[in-house]
N, C-alpha and C. Protein backbone atom coordinates (compact mmCIF):
# COMPACT_ATOMS: atom_id res chain seq x y z
N MET A 1 121.42 118.40 83.17
CA MET A 1 120.91 117.89 84.43
C MET A 1 121.89 116.83 84.96
N ALA A 2 122.20 116.89 86.21
CA ALA A 2 123.16 115.98 86.83
C ALA A 2 122.52 114.61 87.06
N ALA A 3 123.33 113.58 86.90
CA ALA A 3 122.85 112.21 87.11
C ALA A 3 122.58 111.99 88.59
N THR A 4 121.62 111.15 88.88
CA THR A 4 121.28 110.79 90.25
C THR A 4 122.46 110.06 90.89
N VAL A 5 122.85 110.52 92.04
CA VAL A 5 123.98 109.91 92.75
C VAL A 5 123.48 108.64 93.45
N ILE A 6 124.25 107.57 93.29
CA ILE A 6 123.88 106.29 93.89
C ILE A 6 124.93 105.92 94.94
N GLU A 7 124.46 105.71 96.17
CA GLU A 7 125.31 105.21 97.24
C GLU A 7 124.66 103.94 97.77
N LEU A 8 125.42 102.87 97.80
CA LEU A 8 124.89 101.56 98.20
C LEU A 8 125.26 101.20 99.62
N THR A 9 124.34 100.54 100.30
CA THR A 9 124.67 99.94 101.59
C THR A 9 125.38 98.62 101.29
N ALA A 10 125.99 98.04 102.29
CA ALA A 10 126.69 96.76 102.11
C ALA A 10 125.72 95.67 101.66
N ASP A 11 124.51 95.66 102.25
CA ASP A 11 123.52 94.65 101.87
C ASP A 11 123.08 94.82 100.42
N GLU A 12 122.85 96.07 100.01
CA GLU A 12 122.43 96.32 98.63
C GLU A 12 123.53 95.90 97.66
N ARG A 13 124.77 96.20 97.98
CA ARG A 13 125.88 95.83 97.11
C ARG A 13 125.96 94.31 96.99
N ARG A 14 125.78 93.59 98.10
CA ARG A 14 125.80 92.11 98.08
C ARG A 14 124.66 91.58 97.21
N THR A 15 123.48 92.12 97.41
CA THR A 15 122.32 91.66 96.65
C THR A 15 122.51 91.89 95.15
N LEU A 16 122.91 93.09 94.78
CA LEU A 16 123.09 93.41 93.37
C LEU A 16 124.22 92.60 92.74
N SER A 17 125.28 92.41 93.48
CA SER A 17 126.39 91.59 92.98
C SER A 17 125.94 90.14 92.78
N ALA A 18 125.14 89.64 93.70
CA ALA A 18 124.62 88.28 93.58
C ALA A 18 123.74 88.16 92.34
N TRP A 19 122.93 89.18 92.06
CA TRP A 19 122.08 89.16 90.87
C TRP A 19 122.94 89.06 89.61
N THR A 20 124.04 89.76 89.58
CA THR A 20 124.87 89.76 88.36
C THR A 20 125.61 88.45 88.18
N ARG A 21 125.89 87.73 89.25
CA ARG A 21 126.64 86.48 89.17
C ARG A 21 125.77 85.24 89.02
N ALA A 22 124.57 85.29 89.54
CA ALA A 22 123.71 84.09 89.55
C ALA A 22 123.24 83.77 88.13
N GLY A 23 123.39 82.53 87.76
CA GLY A 23 122.92 82.10 86.44
C GLY A 23 121.41 82.03 86.34
N SER A 24 120.74 82.02 87.48
CA SER A 24 119.28 81.90 87.48
C SER A 24 118.58 83.26 87.45
N THR A 25 119.33 84.35 87.56
CA THR A 25 118.73 85.69 87.53
C THR A 25 118.34 86.03 86.10
N GLU A 26 117.14 86.55 85.92
CA GLU A 26 116.73 86.98 84.58
C GLU A 26 117.69 88.05 84.08
N HIS A 27 117.96 88.04 82.79
CA HIS A 27 118.91 88.96 82.20
C HIS A 27 118.58 90.42 82.51
N ARG A 28 117.31 90.79 82.41
CA ARG A 28 116.93 92.19 82.63
C ARG A 28 117.27 92.65 84.04
N TYR A 29 117.08 91.77 85.05
CA TYR A 29 117.40 92.15 86.42
C TYR A 29 118.90 92.23 86.65
N ALA A 30 119.62 91.30 86.04
CA ALA A 30 121.08 91.33 86.16
C ALA A 30 121.63 92.60 85.52
N GLN A 31 121.09 92.97 84.38
CA GLN A 31 121.57 94.18 83.71
C GLN A 31 121.23 95.43 84.52
N ARG A 32 120.06 95.48 85.09
CA ARG A 32 119.69 96.63 85.93
C ARG A 32 120.63 96.73 87.12
N ALA A 33 120.96 95.59 87.71
CA ALA A 33 121.89 95.58 88.84
C ALA A 33 123.25 96.09 88.40
N GLN A 34 123.69 95.70 87.21
CA GLN A 34 124.97 96.18 86.69
C GLN A 34 124.95 97.69 86.47
N PHE A 35 123.84 98.22 85.99
CA PHE A 35 123.71 99.68 85.81
C PHE A 35 123.94 100.38 87.15
N VAL A 36 123.26 99.88 88.19
CA VAL A 36 123.32 100.51 89.51
C VAL A 36 124.72 100.37 90.11
N LEU A 37 125.31 99.21 89.97
CA LEU A 37 126.67 99.01 90.50
C LEU A 37 127.67 99.95 89.81
N ALA A 38 127.53 100.11 88.50
CA ALA A 38 128.41 101.02 87.77
C ALA A 38 128.18 102.46 88.21
N ALA A 39 126.92 102.82 88.44
CA ALA A 39 126.59 104.18 88.89
C ALA A 39 127.17 104.41 90.29
N ALA A 40 127.14 103.40 91.13
CA ALA A 40 127.68 103.53 92.48
C ALA A 40 129.20 103.70 92.45
N ARG A 41 129.84 103.14 91.42
CA ARG A 41 131.29 103.33 91.26
C ARG A 41 131.62 104.74 90.80
N GLY A 42 130.61 105.48 90.35
CA GLY A 42 130.82 106.84 89.90
C GLY A 42 130.79 107.01 88.39
N ASP A 43 130.48 105.94 87.66
CA ASP A 43 130.39 106.04 86.21
C ASP A 43 129.20 106.90 85.82
N GLY A 44 129.34 107.65 84.76
CA GLY A 44 128.25 108.49 84.26
C GLY A 44 127.24 107.68 83.47
N THR A 45 126.08 108.25 83.30
CA THR A 45 125.00 107.58 82.58
C THR A 45 125.41 107.24 81.16
N THR A 46 126.03 108.16 80.47
CA THR A 46 126.45 107.93 79.08
C THR A 46 127.50 106.83 79.01
N THR A 47 128.43 106.84 79.93
CA THR A 47 129.48 105.82 79.96
C THR A 47 128.88 104.43 80.18
N ILE A 48 127.96 104.34 81.11
CA ILE A 48 127.28 103.06 81.39
C ILE A 48 126.49 102.61 80.17
N ALA A 49 125.78 103.55 79.54
CA ALA A 49 124.96 103.23 78.37
C ALA A 49 125.84 102.69 77.24
N ARG A 50 126.97 103.31 77.00
CA ARG A 50 127.89 102.84 75.96
C ARG A 50 128.42 101.44 76.29
N ALA A 51 128.79 101.23 77.54
CA ALA A 51 129.35 99.93 77.95
C ALA A 51 128.35 98.79 77.75
N PHE A 52 127.07 99.06 77.99
CA PHE A 52 126.06 98.01 77.89
C PHE A 52 125.27 98.07 76.58
N ARG A 53 125.62 99.03 75.72
CA ARG A 53 124.95 99.21 74.42
C ARG A 53 123.45 99.38 74.57
N VAL A 54 123.08 100.28 75.46
CA VAL A 54 121.68 100.66 75.65
C VAL A 54 121.58 102.18 75.56
N ARG A 55 120.37 102.67 75.50
CA ARG A 55 120.17 104.11 75.46
C ARG A 55 120.45 104.72 76.83
N PRO A 56 120.98 105.94 76.86
CA PRO A 56 121.19 106.61 78.15
C PRO A 56 119.90 106.74 78.95
N ALA A 57 118.77 106.89 78.27
CA ALA A 57 117.48 107.00 78.96
C ALA A 57 117.18 105.73 79.76
N THR A 58 117.60 104.59 79.24
CA THR A 58 117.38 103.32 79.93
C THR A 58 118.18 103.29 81.24
N VAL A 59 119.43 103.67 81.16
CA VAL A 59 120.28 103.71 82.36
C VAL A 59 119.71 104.72 83.35
N SER A 60 119.31 105.87 82.86
CA SER A 60 118.78 106.92 83.72
C SER A 60 117.51 106.46 84.44
N LYS A 61 116.66 105.75 83.72
CA LYS A 61 115.41 105.24 84.31
C LYS A 61 115.69 104.36 85.52
N TRP A 62 116.60 103.38 85.35
CA TRP A 62 116.86 102.44 86.43
C TRP A 62 117.67 103.07 87.54
N ARG A 63 118.50 103.99 87.20
CA ARG A 63 119.27 104.72 88.20
C ARG A 63 118.32 105.53 89.09
N THR A 64 117.39 106.22 88.47
CA THR A 64 116.42 107.05 89.21
C THR A 64 115.48 106.18 90.04
N ARG A 65 115.00 105.07 89.45
CA ARG A 65 114.10 104.19 90.21
C ARG A 65 114.80 103.57 91.39
N PHE A 66 116.09 103.22 91.22
CA PHE A 66 116.83 102.66 92.35
C PHE A 66 116.97 103.70 93.45
N ALA A 67 117.28 104.92 93.09
CA ALA A 67 117.44 105.99 94.09
C ALA A 67 116.15 106.22 94.86
N ALA A 68 115.03 106.08 94.19
CA ALA A 68 113.73 106.32 94.83
C ALA A 68 113.24 105.14 95.66
N ARG A 69 113.41 103.91 95.14
CA ARG A 69 112.81 102.75 95.79
C ARG A 69 113.82 101.67 96.17
N ARG A 70 115.08 101.95 95.99
CA ARG A 70 116.17 101.03 96.31
C ARG A 70 116.03 99.73 95.50
N VAL A 71 116.37 98.59 96.03
CA VAL A 71 116.39 97.34 95.26
C VAL A 71 115.00 97.01 94.71
N ALA A 72 113.96 97.27 95.45
CA ALA A 72 112.60 96.99 94.98
C ALA A 72 112.28 97.77 93.71
N GLY A 73 112.91 98.91 93.51
CA GLY A 73 112.68 99.72 92.32
C GLY A 73 113.18 99.08 91.05
N LEU A 74 114.01 98.06 91.16
CA LEU A 74 114.54 97.39 89.97
C LEU A 74 113.59 96.32 89.44
N GLN A 75 112.54 96.01 90.20
CA GLN A 75 111.53 95.06 89.75
C GLN A 75 110.62 95.74 88.74
N ASP A 76 109.97 94.97 87.90
CA ASP A 76 109.03 95.52 86.94
C ASP A 76 107.78 96.02 87.65
N ASP A 77 107.24 97.13 87.17
CA ASP A 77 105.96 97.61 87.70
C ASP A 77 104.85 96.73 87.14
N ALA A 78 103.77 96.65 87.88
CA ALA A 78 102.61 95.89 87.41
C ALA A 78 102.05 96.57 86.16
N ARG A 79 101.62 95.75 85.24
CA ARG A 79 101.01 96.28 84.02
C ARG A 79 99.51 96.10 84.13
N PRO A 80 98.76 96.99 83.51
CA PRO A 80 97.31 96.97 83.71
C PRO A 80 96.62 95.69 83.25
N GLY A 81 96.82 95.24 82.04
CA GLY A 81 96.18 94.03 81.57
C GLY A 81 94.67 94.17 81.49
N ALA A 82 94.04 93.11 81.11
CA ALA A 82 92.58 93.10 81.00
C ALA A 82 91.96 93.05 82.39
N PRO A 83 90.81 93.70 82.56
CA PRO A 83 90.16 93.65 83.88
C PRO A 83 89.69 92.22 84.19
N VAL A 84 89.60 91.91 85.46
CA VAL A 84 89.15 90.59 85.91
C VAL A 84 87.69 90.43 85.52
N ARG A 85 87.43 89.35 84.80
CA ARG A 85 86.07 89.12 84.33
C ARG A 85 85.26 88.32 85.35
N TYR A 86 85.89 87.29 85.88
CA TYR A 86 85.22 86.43 86.85
C TYR A 86 86.02 86.43 88.14
N GLY A 87 85.43 86.89 89.21
CA GLY A 87 86.13 86.95 90.49
C GLY A 87 85.68 85.85 91.43
N ALA A 88 86.01 86.03 92.68
CA ALA A 88 85.66 85.05 93.70
C ALA A 88 84.14 84.94 93.87
N ALA A 89 83.45 86.05 93.67
CA ALA A 89 81.99 86.03 93.81
C ALA A 89 81.35 85.11 92.77
N THR A 90 81.88 85.12 91.56
CA THR A 90 81.36 84.25 90.51
C THR A 90 81.59 82.79 90.86
N GLU A 91 82.79 82.50 91.36
CA GLU A 91 83.10 81.13 91.78
C GLU A 91 82.13 80.69 92.88
N ASP A 92 81.87 81.57 93.83
CA ASP A 92 80.93 81.24 94.91
C ASP A 92 79.53 80.96 94.36
N ARG A 93 79.10 81.75 93.37
CA ARG A 93 77.77 81.54 92.77
C ARG A 93 77.70 80.18 92.08
N ILE A 94 78.78 79.83 91.36
CA ILE A 94 78.80 78.54 90.66
C ILE A 94 78.72 77.39 91.66
N LEU A 95 79.54 77.46 92.70
CA LEU A 95 79.55 76.39 93.70
C LEU A 95 78.23 76.31 94.46
N ALA A 96 77.64 77.45 94.74
CA ALA A 96 76.34 77.45 95.43
C ALA A 96 75.27 76.80 94.56
N LEU A 97 75.30 77.09 93.26
CA LEU A 97 74.31 76.49 92.36
C LEU A 97 74.49 74.97 92.28
N LEU A 98 75.73 74.52 92.33
CA LEU A 98 75.99 73.09 92.27
C LEU A 98 75.50 72.35 93.52
N ASP A 99 75.30 73.09 94.60
CA ASP A 99 74.79 72.49 95.84
C ASP A 99 73.28 72.31 95.81
N THR A 100 72.63 72.86 94.79
CA THR A 100 71.18 72.72 94.66
C THR A 100 70.87 71.59 93.69
N ALA A 101 69.61 71.18 93.68
CA ALA A 101 69.19 70.12 92.76
C ALA A 101 69.15 70.68 91.33
N PRO A 102 69.49 69.87 90.33
CA PRO A 102 69.43 70.34 88.94
C PRO A 102 67.98 70.57 88.53
N PRO A 103 67.76 71.30 87.46
CA PRO A 103 66.39 71.57 87.01
C PRO A 103 65.64 70.28 86.63
N GLU A 104 64.36 70.39 86.56
CA GLU A 104 63.48 69.28 86.19
C GLU A 104 63.95 68.67 84.86
N GLY A 105 64.06 67.36 84.83
CA GLY A 105 64.45 66.67 83.60
C GLY A 105 65.94 66.39 83.51
N TYR A 106 66.72 66.86 84.48
CA TYR A 106 68.16 66.61 84.47
C TYR A 106 68.55 65.84 85.74
N ALA A 107 69.41 64.86 85.57
CA ALA A 107 69.86 64.05 86.70
C ALA A 107 71.00 64.75 87.45
N ARG A 108 71.80 65.53 86.74
CA ARG A 108 72.93 66.22 87.38
C ARG A 108 73.28 67.47 86.58
N TRP A 109 74.09 68.30 87.21
CA TRP A 109 74.54 69.54 86.57
C TRP A 109 75.66 69.24 85.58
N ASN A 110 75.74 70.04 84.54
CA ASN A 110 76.89 70.04 83.66
C ASN A 110 77.28 71.51 83.39
N GLY A 111 78.43 71.74 82.78
CA GLY A 111 78.92 73.10 82.59
C GLY A 111 77.98 73.99 81.81
N ARG A 112 77.42 73.46 80.73
CA ARG A 112 76.50 74.25 79.90
C ARG A 112 75.24 74.62 80.68
N LEU A 113 74.73 73.68 81.43
CA LEU A 113 73.51 73.90 82.19
C LEU A 113 73.73 74.94 83.29
N VAL A 114 74.84 74.85 84.01
CA VAL A 114 75.15 75.83 85.05
C VAL A 114 75.29 77.22 84.42
N ALA A 115 75.97 77.31 83.29
CA ALA A 115 76.15 78.59 82.61
C ALA A 115 74.81 79.18 82.20
N GLU A 116 73.92 78.35 81.70
CA GLU A 116 72.59 78.83 81.31
C GLU A 116 71.82 79.36 82.51
N GLN A 117 71.90 78.63 83.63
CA GLN A 117 71.18 79.05 84.84
C GLN A 117 71.71 80.37 85.38
N LEU A 118 73.03 80.55 85.35
CA LEU A 118 73.61 81.79 85.87
C LEU A 118 73.42 82.94 84.89
N GLY A 119 73.49 82.65 83.60
CA GLY A 119 73.22 83.66 82.59
C GLY A 119 74.39 84.56 82.20
N ASP A 120 75.31 84.82 83.10
CA ASP A 120 76.40 85.75 82.79
C ASP A 120 77.78 85.12 82.93
N VAL A 121 77.80 83.78 82.93
CA VAL A 121 79.07 83.07 83.07
C VAL A 121 79.18 82.09 81.91
N SER A 122 80.36 82.03 81.29
CA SER A 122 80.54 81.13 80.15
C SER A 122 80.69 79.69 80.64
N PRO A 123 80.32 78.74 79.76
CA PRO A 123 80.51 77.33 80.14
C PRO A 123 81.97 77.01 80.42
N SER A 124 82.88 77.64 79.71
CA SER A 124 84.31 77.41 79.94
C SER A 124 84.71 77.79 81.35
N GLN A 125 84.19 78.92 81.84
CA GLN A 125 84.52 79.35 83.20
C GLN A 125 83.92 78.40 84.22
N VAL A 126 82.73 77.90 83.95
CA VAL A 126 82.11 76.93 84.86
C VAL A 126 83.01 75.71 84.98
N TRP A 127 83.52 75.21 83.86
CA TRP A 127 84.38 74.03 83.89
C TRP A 127 85.70 74.34 84.59
N ARG A 128 86.24 75.54 84.45
CA ARG A 128 87.48 75.90 85.13
C ARG A 128 87.29 75.86 86.65
N VAL A 129 86.12 76.29 87.12
CA VAL A 129 85.85 76.30 88.56
C VAL A 129 85.66 74.86 89.02
């Protein structure tokens, strides 16, 4: 299978070159930029992989993603992570409860008491809000 051909615009070449030179660029982004710049020069995937001591599949991945999405394709994709447990609605419920008078026998609200009243929110989350 033939390697994806990379042709850069002047702006893309400037951006990628800046990534490789800037000391503040994360290593992974600088390396991805170097892969693309080498591919634009006409270097093959295997040659690039040997030069950077990475697997050819790694070079191929970033080469293909750049061809599909240009510079934005070199950014990391979002990872799924844990689902959001407490959203804006929970925060609104906590704040709304704090606007009411505390239960009989209490002078003011505290995190544990708010959590007990809501039933499905931890005291830690109440304190964070």
